[in-house]
PDB file of N, CA and C in Angstrom:
ATOM      1  N   UNK A   1     -39.228  10.129   7.108  1.00  0.00           N
ATOM      2  CA  UNK A   1     -38.165   9.326   7.667  1.00  0.00           C
ATOM      3  C   UNK A   1     -36.971   9.323   6.719  1.00  0.00           C
ATOM      4  N   UNK A   2     -35.835   9.275   7.291  1.00  0.00           N
ATOM      5  CA  UNK A   2     -34.614   9.259   6.498  1.00  0.00           C
ATOM      6  C   UNK A   2     -34.361   7.852   5.976  1.00  0.00           C
ATOM      7  N   UNK A   3     -33.953   7.794   4.734  1.00  0.00           N
ATOM      8  CA  UNK A   3     -33.634   6.500   4.144  1.00  0.00           C
ATOM      9  C   UNK A   3     -32.153   6.228   4.336  1.00  0.00           C
ATOM     10  N   UNK A   4     -31.830   4.990   4.656  1.00  0.00           N
ATOM     11  CA  UNK A   4     -30.431   4.624   4.820  1.00  0.00           C
ATOM     12  C   UNK A   4     -29.974   3.844   3.616  1.00  0.00           C
ATOM     13  N   UNK A   5     -28.753   4.019   3.274  1.00  0.00           N
ATOM     14  CA  UNK A   5     -28.158   3.308   2.164  1.00  0.00           C
ATOM     15  C   UNK A   5     -27.609   1.996   2.684  1.00  0.00           C
ATOM     16  N   UNK A   6     -28.125   0.892   2.177  1.00  0.00           N
ATOM     17  CA  UNK A   6     -27.708  -0.414   2.680  1.00  0.00           C
ATOM     18  C   UNK A   6     -26.264  -0.728   2.317  1.00  0.00           C
ATOM     19  N   UNK A   7     -25.727  -0.110   1.271  1.00  0.00           N
ATOM     20  CA  UNK A   7     -24.343  -0.362   0.882  1.00  0.00           C
ATOM     21  C   UNK A   7     -23.367   0.197   1.916  1.00  0.00           C
ATOM     22  N   UNK A   8     -23.747   1.253   2.614  1.00  0.00           N
ATOM     23  CA  UNK A   8     -22.864   1.829   3.624  1.00  0.00           C
ATOM     24  C   UNK A   8     -22.777   0.956   4.873  1.00  0.00           C
ATOM     25  N   UNK A   9     -23.812   0.179   5.122  1.00  0.00           N
ATOM     26  CA  UNK A   9     -23.865  -0.616   6.331  1.00  0.00           C
ATOM     27  C   UNK A   9     -23.630  -2.098   6.082  1.00  0.00           C
ATOM     28  N   UNK A  10     -23.302  -2.480   4.877  1.00  0.00           N
ATOM     29  CA  UNK A  10     -23.106  -3.895   4.583  1.00  0.00           C
ATOM     30  C   UNK A  10     -21.715  -4.336   5.012  1.00  0.00           C
ATOM     31  N   UNK A  11     -21.597  -5.610   5.225  1.00  0.00           N
ATOM     32  CA  UNK A  11     -20.316  -6.182   5.636  1.00  0.00           C
ATOM     33  C   UNK A  11     -19.365  -6.189   4.436  1.00  0.00           C
ATOM     34  N   UNK A  12     -18.061  -6.103   4.704  1.00  0.00           N
ATOM     35  CA  UNK A  12     -17.101  -6.134   3.604  1.00  0.00           C
ATOM     36  C   UNK A  12     -17.167  -7.473   2.870  1.00  0.00           C
ATOM     37  N   UNK A  13     -17.042  -7.411   1.574  1.00  0.00           N
ATOM     38  CA  UNK A  13     -17.085  -8.627   0.786  1.00  0.00           C
ATOM     39  C   UNK A  13     -15.734  -9.326   0.829  1.00  0.00           C
ATOM     40  N   UNK A  14     -15.710 -10.535   0.306  1.00  0.00           N
ATOM     41  CA  UNK A  14     -14.479 -11.308   0.295  1.00  0.00           C
ATOM     42  C   UNK A  14     -13.418 -10.631  -0.571  1.00  0.00           C
ATOM     43  N   UNK A  15     -13.835 -10.026  -1.676  1.00  0.00           N
ATOM     44  CA  UNK A  15     -12.880  -9.342  -2.554  1.00  0.00           C
ATOM     45  C   UNK A  15     -12.252  -8.148  -1.843  1.00  0.00           C
ATOM     46  N   UNK A  16     -13.046  -7.401  -1.069  1.00  0.00           N
ATOM     47  CA  UNK A  16     -12.499  -6.265  -0.329  1.00  0.00           C
ATOM     48  C   UNK A  16     -11.524  -6.724   0.734  1.00  0.00           C
ATOM     49  N   UNK A  17     -11.824  -7.827   1.381  1.00  0.00           N
ATOM     50  CA  UNK A  17     -10.901  -8.357   2.392  1.00  0.00           C
ATOM     51  C   UNK A  17      -9.593  -8.805   1.759  1.00  0.00           C
ATOM     52  N   UNK A  18      -9.674  -9.416   0.581  1.00  0.00           N
ATOM     53  CA  UNK A  18      -8.456  -9.848  -0.110  1.00  0.00           C
ATOM     54  C   UNK A  18      -7.602  -8.658  -0.512  1.00  0.00           C
ATOM     55  N   UNK A  19      -8.249  -7.598  -1.005  1.00  0.00           N
ATOM     56  CA  UNK A  19      -7.503  -6.400  -1.383  1.00  0.00           C
ATOM     57  C   UNK A  19      -6.856  -5.750  -0.166  1.00  0.00           C
ATOM     58  N   UNK A  20      -7.557  -5.730   0.949  1.00  0.00           N
ATOM     59  CA  UNK A  20      -7.009  -5.162   2.174  1.00  0.00           C
ATOM     60  C   UNK A  20      -5.836  -5.995   2.675  1.00  0.00           C
ATOM     61  N   UNK A  21      -5.961  -7.307   2.595  1.00  0.00           N
ATOM     62  CA  UNK A  21      -4.870  -8.191   3.007  1.00  0.00           C
ATOM     63  C   UNK A  21      -3.667  -8.011   2.091  1.00  0.00           C
ATOM     64  N   UNK A  22      -3.914  -7.912   0.784  1.00  0.00           N
ATOM     65  CA  UNK A  22      -2.829  -7.695  -0.166  1.00  0.00           C
ATOM     66  C   UNK A  22      -2.135  -6.362   0.096  1.00  0.00           C
ATOM     67  N   UNK A  23      -2.919  -5.306   0.373  1.00  0.00           N
ATOM     68  CA  UNK A  23      -2.334  -4.006   0.673  1.00  0.00           C
ATOM     69  C   UNK A  23      -1.480  -4.077   1.933  1.00  0.00           C
ATOM     70  N   UNK A  24      -2.008  -4.704   2.981  1.00  0.00           N
ATOM     71  CA  UNK A  24      -1.272  -4.795   4.243  1.00  0.00           C
ATOM     72  C   UNK A  24       0.021  -5.583   4.113  1.00  0.00           C
ATOM     73  N   UNK A  25      -0.054  -6.728   3.451  1.00  0.00           N
ATOM     74  CA  UNK A  25       1.150  -7.549   3.292  1.00  0.00           C
ATOM     75  C   UNK A  25       2.197  -6.868   2.422  1.00  0.00           C
ATOM     76  N   UNK A  26       1.758  -6.271   1.321  1.00  0.00           N
ATOM     77  CA  UNK A  26       2.734  -5.604   0.458  1.00  0.00           C
ATOM     78  C   UNK A  26       3.315  -4.366   1.132  1.00  0.00           C
ATOM     79  N   UNK A  27       2.513  -3.680   1.961  1.00  0.00           N
ATOM     80  CA  UNK A  27       3.049  -2.532   2.686  1.00  0.00           C
ATOM     81  C   UNK A  27       4.152  -2.983   3.646  1.00  0.00           C
ATOM     82  N   UNK A  28       3.930  -4.076   4.345  1.00  0.00           N
ATOM     83  CA  UNK A  28       4.939  -4.573   5.288  1.00  0.00           C
ATOM     84  C   UNK A  28       6.199  -5.001   4.538  1.00  0.00           C
ATOM     85  N   UNK A  29       6.032  -5.707   3.425  1.00  0.00           N
ATOM     86  CA  UNK A  29       7.205  -6.162   2.659  1.00  0.00           C
ATOM     87  C   UNK A  29       7.995  -4.969   2.124  1.00  0.00           C
ATOM     88  N   UNK A  30       7.298  -4.004   1.525  1.00  0.00           N
ATOM     89  CA  UNK A  30       7.991  -2.830   0.991  1.00  0.00           C
ATOM     90  C   UNK A  30       8.596  -1.980   2.106  1.00  0.00           C
ATOM     91  N   UNK A  31       7.952  -1.946   3.262  1.00  0.00           N
ATOM     92  CA  UNK A  31       8.505  -1.195   4.392  1.00  0.00           C
ATOM     93  C   UNK A  31       9.802  -1.838   4.878  1.00  0.00           C
ATOM     94  N   UNK A  32       9.840  -3.145   4.938  1.00  0.00           N
ATOM     95  CA  UNK A  32      11.066  -3.840   5.343  1.00  0.00           C
ATOM     96  C   UNK A  32      12.180  -3.567   4.339  1.00  0.00           C
ATOM     97  N   UNK A  33      11.844  -3.599   3.055  1.00  0.00           N
ATOM     98  CA  UNK A  33      12.853  -3.294   2.027  1.00  0.00           C
ATOM     99  C   UNK A  33      13.363  -1.865   2.175  1.00  0.00           C
ATOM    100  N   UNK A  34      12.448  -0.924   2.385  1.00  0.00           N
ATOM    101  CA  UNK A  34      12.850   0.481   2.515  1.00  0.00           C
ATOM    102  C   UNK A  34      13.657   0.718   3.784  1.00  0.00           C
ATOM    103  N   UNK A  35      13.250   0.124   4.894  1.00  0.00           N
ATOM    104  CA  UNK A  35      14.003   0.284   6.140  1.00  0.00           C
ATOM    105  C   UNK A  35      15.395  -0.319   6.032  1.00  0.00           C
ATOM    106  N   UNK A  36      15.492  -1.473   5.408  1.00  0.00           N
ATOM    107  CA  UNK A  36      16.806  -2.098   5.218  1.00  0.00           C
ATOM    108  C   UNK A  36      17.702  -1.210   4.365  1.00  0.00           C
ATOM    109  N   UNK A  37      17.155  -0.691   3.274  1.00  0.00           N
ATOM    110  CA  UNK A  37      17.940   0.200   2.429  1.00  0.00           C
ATOM    111  C   UNK A  37      18.335   1.479   3.133  1.00  0.00           C
ATOM    112  N   UNK A  38      17.422   2.040   3.934  1.00  0.00           N
ATOM    113  CA  UNK A  38      17.731   3.278   4.657  1.00  0.00           C
ATOM    114  C   UNK A  38      18.797   3.044   5.718  1.00  0.00           C
ATOM    115  N   UNK A  39      18.704   1.919   6.411  1.00  0.00           N
ATOM    116  CA  UNK A  39      19.701   1.623   7.446  1.00  0.00           C
ATOM    117  C   UNK A  39      21.077   1.343   6.851  1.00  0.00           C
ATOM    118  N   UNK A  40      21.103   0.799   5.643  1.00  0.00           N
ATOM    119  CA  UNK A  40      22.377   0.522   4.987  1.00  0.00           C
ATOM    120  C   UNK A  40      22.903   1.722   4.194  1.00  0.00           C
ATOM    121  N   UNK A  41      22.100   2.791   4.130  1.00  0.00           N
ATOM    122  CA  UNK A  41      22.523   3.980   3.404  1.00  0.00           C
ATOM    123  C   UNK A  41      22.459   3.825   1.893  1.00  0.00           C
ATOM    124  N   UNK A  42      21.609   2.933   1.419  1.00  0.00           N
ATOM    125  CA  UNK A  42      21.478   2.668  -0.009  1.00  0.00           C
ATOM    126  C   UNK A  42      20.308   3.473  -0.589  1.00  0.00           C
ATOM    127  N   UNK A  43      20.303   3.703  -1.874  1.00  0.00           N
ATOM    128  CA  UNK A  43      19.198   4.438  -2.510  1.00  0.00           C
ATOM    129  C   UNK A  43      17.968   3.542  -2.717  1.00  0.00           C
ATOM    130  N   UNK A  44      17.214   3.316  -1.669  1.00  0.00           N
ATOM    131  CA  UNK A  44      16.108   2.347  -1.695  1.00  0.00           C
ATOM    132  C   UNK A  44      14.937   2.805  -2.555  1.00  0.00           C
ATOM    133  N   UNK A  45      14.815   4.098  -2.833  1.00  0.00           N
ATOM    134  CA  UNK A  45      13.675   4.589  -3.622  1.00  0.00           C
ATOM    135  C   UNK A  45      13.704   4.062  -5.052  1.00  0.00           C
ATOM    136  N   UNK A  46      14.881   3.790  -5.569  1.00  0.00           N
ATOM    137  CA  UNK A  46      14.973   3.231  -6.917  1.00  0.00           C
ATOM    138  C   UNK A  46      14.596   1.752  -6.939  1.00  0.00           C
ATOM    139  N   UNK A  47      14.558   1.112  -5.790  1.00  0.00           N
ATOM    140  CA  UNK A  47      14.185  -0.305  -5.709  1.00  0.00           C
ATOM    141  C   UNK A  47      12.684  -0.508  -5.759  1.00  0.00           C
ATOM    142  N   UNK A  48      11.921   0.495  -5.347  1.00  0.00           N
ATOM    143  CA  UNK A  48      10.478   0.354  -5.243  1.00  0.00           C
ATOM    144  C   UNK A  48       9.776   1.104  -6.371  1.00  0.00           C
ATOM    145  N   UNK A  49       8.774   0.478  -7.005  1.00  0.00           N
ATOM    146  CA  UNK A  49       8.084   1.147  -8.111  1.00  0.00           C
ATOM    147  C   UNK A  49       7.209   2.296  -7.617  1.00  0.00           C
ATOM    148  N   UNK A  50       7.378   3.463  -8.193  1.00  0.00           N
ATOM    149  CA  UNK A  50       6.550   4.610  -7.843  1.00  0.00           C
ATOM    150  C   UNK A  50       7.054   5.438  -6.685  1.00  0.00           C
ATOM    151  N   UNK A  51       8.135   5.024  -6.030  1.00  0.00           N
ATOM    152  CA  UNK A  51       8.637   5.739  -4.860  1.00  0.00           C
ATOM    153  C   UNK A  51       9.756   6.714  -5.197  1.00  0.00           C
ATOM    154  N   UNK A  52      10.079   6.863  -6.449  1.00  0.00           N
ATOM    155  CA  UNK A  52      11.238   7.670  -6.827  1.00  0.00           C
ATOM    156  C   UNK A  52      11.093   9.142  -6.482  1.00  0.00           C
ATOM    157  N   UNK A  53       9.902   9.700  -6.602  1.00  0.00           N
ATOM    158  CA  UNK A  53       9.735  11.124  -6.397  1.00  0.00           C
ATOM    159  C   UNK A  53       9.239  11.529  -5.019  1.00  0.00           C
ATOM    160  N   UNK A  54       9.168  10.597  -4.078  1.00  0.00           N
ATOM    161  CA  UNK A  54       8.618  10.876  -2.752  1.00  0.00           C
ATOM    162  C   UNK A  54       9.770  11.025  -1.762  1.00  0.00           C
ATOM    163  N   UNK A  55       9.652  12.012  -0.864  1.00  0.00           N
ATOM    164  CA  UNK A  55      10.743  12.277   0.077  1.00  0.00           C
ATOM    165  C   UNK A  55      10.714  11.396   1.309  1.00  0.00           C
ATOM    166  N   UNK A  56       9.568  11.152   1.903  1.00  0.00           N
ATOM    167  CA  UNK A  56       9.482  10.419   3.155  1.00  0.00           C
ATOM    168  C   UNK A  56       9.488   8.913   2.965  1.00  0.00           C
ATOM    169  N   UNK A  57       9.842   8.216   4.024  1.00  0.00           N
ATOM    170  CA  UNK A  57       9.903   6.758   3.996  1.00  0.00           C
ATOM    171  C   UNK A  57       8.513   6.165   3.823  1.00  0.00           C
ATOM    172  N   UNK A  58       7.571   6.567   4.686  1.00  0.00           N
ATOM    173  CA  UNK A  58       6.227   5.994   4.621  1.00  0.00           C
ATOM    174  C   UNK A  58       5.494   6.431   3.351  1.00  0.00           C
ATOM    175  N   UNK A  59       5.712   7.648   2.924  1.00  0.00           N
ATOM    176  CA  UNK A  59       5.111   8.109   1.675  1.00  0.00           C
ATOM    177  C   UNK A  59       5.623   7.338   0.473  1.00  0.00           C
ATOM    178  N   UNK A  60       6.909   7.046   0.475  1.00  0.00           N
ATOM    179  CA  UNK A  60       7.494   6.255  -0.606  1.00  0.00           C
ATOM    180  C   UNK A  60       6.982   4.830  -0.619  1.00  0.00           C
ATOM    181  N   UNK A  61       6.838   4.253   0.571  1.00  0.00           N
ATOM    182  CA  UNK A  61       6.323   2.888   0.670  1.00  0.00           C
ATOM    183  C   UNK A  61       4.862   2.856   0.214  1.00  0.00           C
ATOM    184  N   UNK A  62       4.074   3.843   0.633  1.00  0.00           N
ATOM    185  CA  UNK A  62       2.671   3.880   0.239  1.00  0.00           C
ATOM    186  C   UNK A  62       2.540   4.060  -1.274  1.00  0.00           C
ATOM    187  N   UNK A  63       3.368   4.897  -1.866  1.00  0.00           N
ATOM    188  CA  UNK A  63       3.340   5.082  -3.317  1.00  0.00           C
ATOM    189  C   UNK A  63       3.726   3.802  -4.037  1.00  0.00           C
ATOM    190  N   UNK A  64       4.696   3.085  -3.495  1.00  0.00           N
ATOM    191  CA  UNK A  64       5.106   1.816  -4.097  1.00  0.00           C
ATOM    192  C   UNK A  64       4.001   0.776  -4.010  1.00  0.00           C
ATOM    193  N   UNK A  65       3.304   0.736  -2.880  1.00  0.00           N
ATOM    194  CA  UNK A  65       2.216  -0.231  -2.715  1.00  0.00           C
ATOM    195  C   UNK A  65       1.080   0.090  -3.681  1.00  0.00           C
ATOM    196  N   UNK A  66       0.721   1.363  -3.816  1.00  0.00           N
ATOM    197  CA  UNK A  66      -0.342   1.731  -4.748  1.00  0.00           C
ATOM    198  C   UNK A  66       0.042   1.403  -6.191  1.00  0.00           C
ATOM    199  N   UNK A  67       1.309   1.634  -6.546  1.00  0.00           N
ATOM    200  CA  UNK A  67       1.763   1.289  -7.887  1.00  0.00           C
ATOM    201  C   UNK A  67       1.723  -0.208  -8.094  1.00  0.00           C
ATOM    202  N   UNK A  68       2.184  -0.962  -7.111  1.00  0.00           N
ATOM    203  CA  UNK A  68       2.177  -2.425  -7.185  1.00  0.00           C
ATOM    204  C   UNK A  68       0.745  -2.959  -7.304  1.00  0.00           C
ATOM    205  N   UNK A  69      -0.154  -2.410  -6.514  1.00  0.00           N
ATOM    206  CA  UNK A  69      -1.534  -2.894  -6.540  1.00  0.00           C
ATOM    207  C   UNK A  69      -2.246  -2.544  -7.842  1.00  0.00           C
ATOM    208  N   UNK A  70      -1.856  -1.452  -8.479  1.00  0.00           N
ATOM    209  CA  UNK A  70      -2.468  -1.120  -9.764  1.00  0.00           C
ATOM    210  C   UNK A  70      -2.080  -2.130 -10.843  1.00  0.00           C
ATOM    211  N   UNK A  71      -0.921  -2.762 -10.692  1.00  0.00           N
ATOM    212  CA  UNK A  71      -0.529  -3.816 -11.634  1.00  0.00           C
ATOM    213  C   UNK A  71      -1.219  -5.133 -11.311  1.00  0.00           C
ATOM    214  N   UNK A  72      -1.438  -5.413 -10.044  1.00  0.00           N
ATOM    215  CA  UNK A  72      -1.990  -6.700  -9.624  1.00  0.00           C
ATOM    216  C   UNK A  72      -3.500  -6.764  -9.807  1.00  0.00           C
ATOM    217  N   UNK A  73      -4.183  -5.697  -9.408  1.00  0.00           N
ATOM    218  CA  UNK A  73      -5.653  -5.735  -9.413  1.00  0.00           C
ATOM    219  C   UNK A  73      -6.198  -5.230 -10.727  1.00  0.00           C
TER     220      UNK A  73
END
């Protein structure tokens, strides 16, 4: 019989939910900042940490969120 790994089927812990919530909220906040800067024609990549070398909007926001989360967590 095949053995199953109980860690793969366990429910997410409270810490994982908090990290997911933090990622989601910071992504939305950084996305609003980036969209505002893009619509105003401003250099928004310099406003977000880690987004300086990324070309796309969503890629820059994701890089900024990962950089931000590495400082927080």
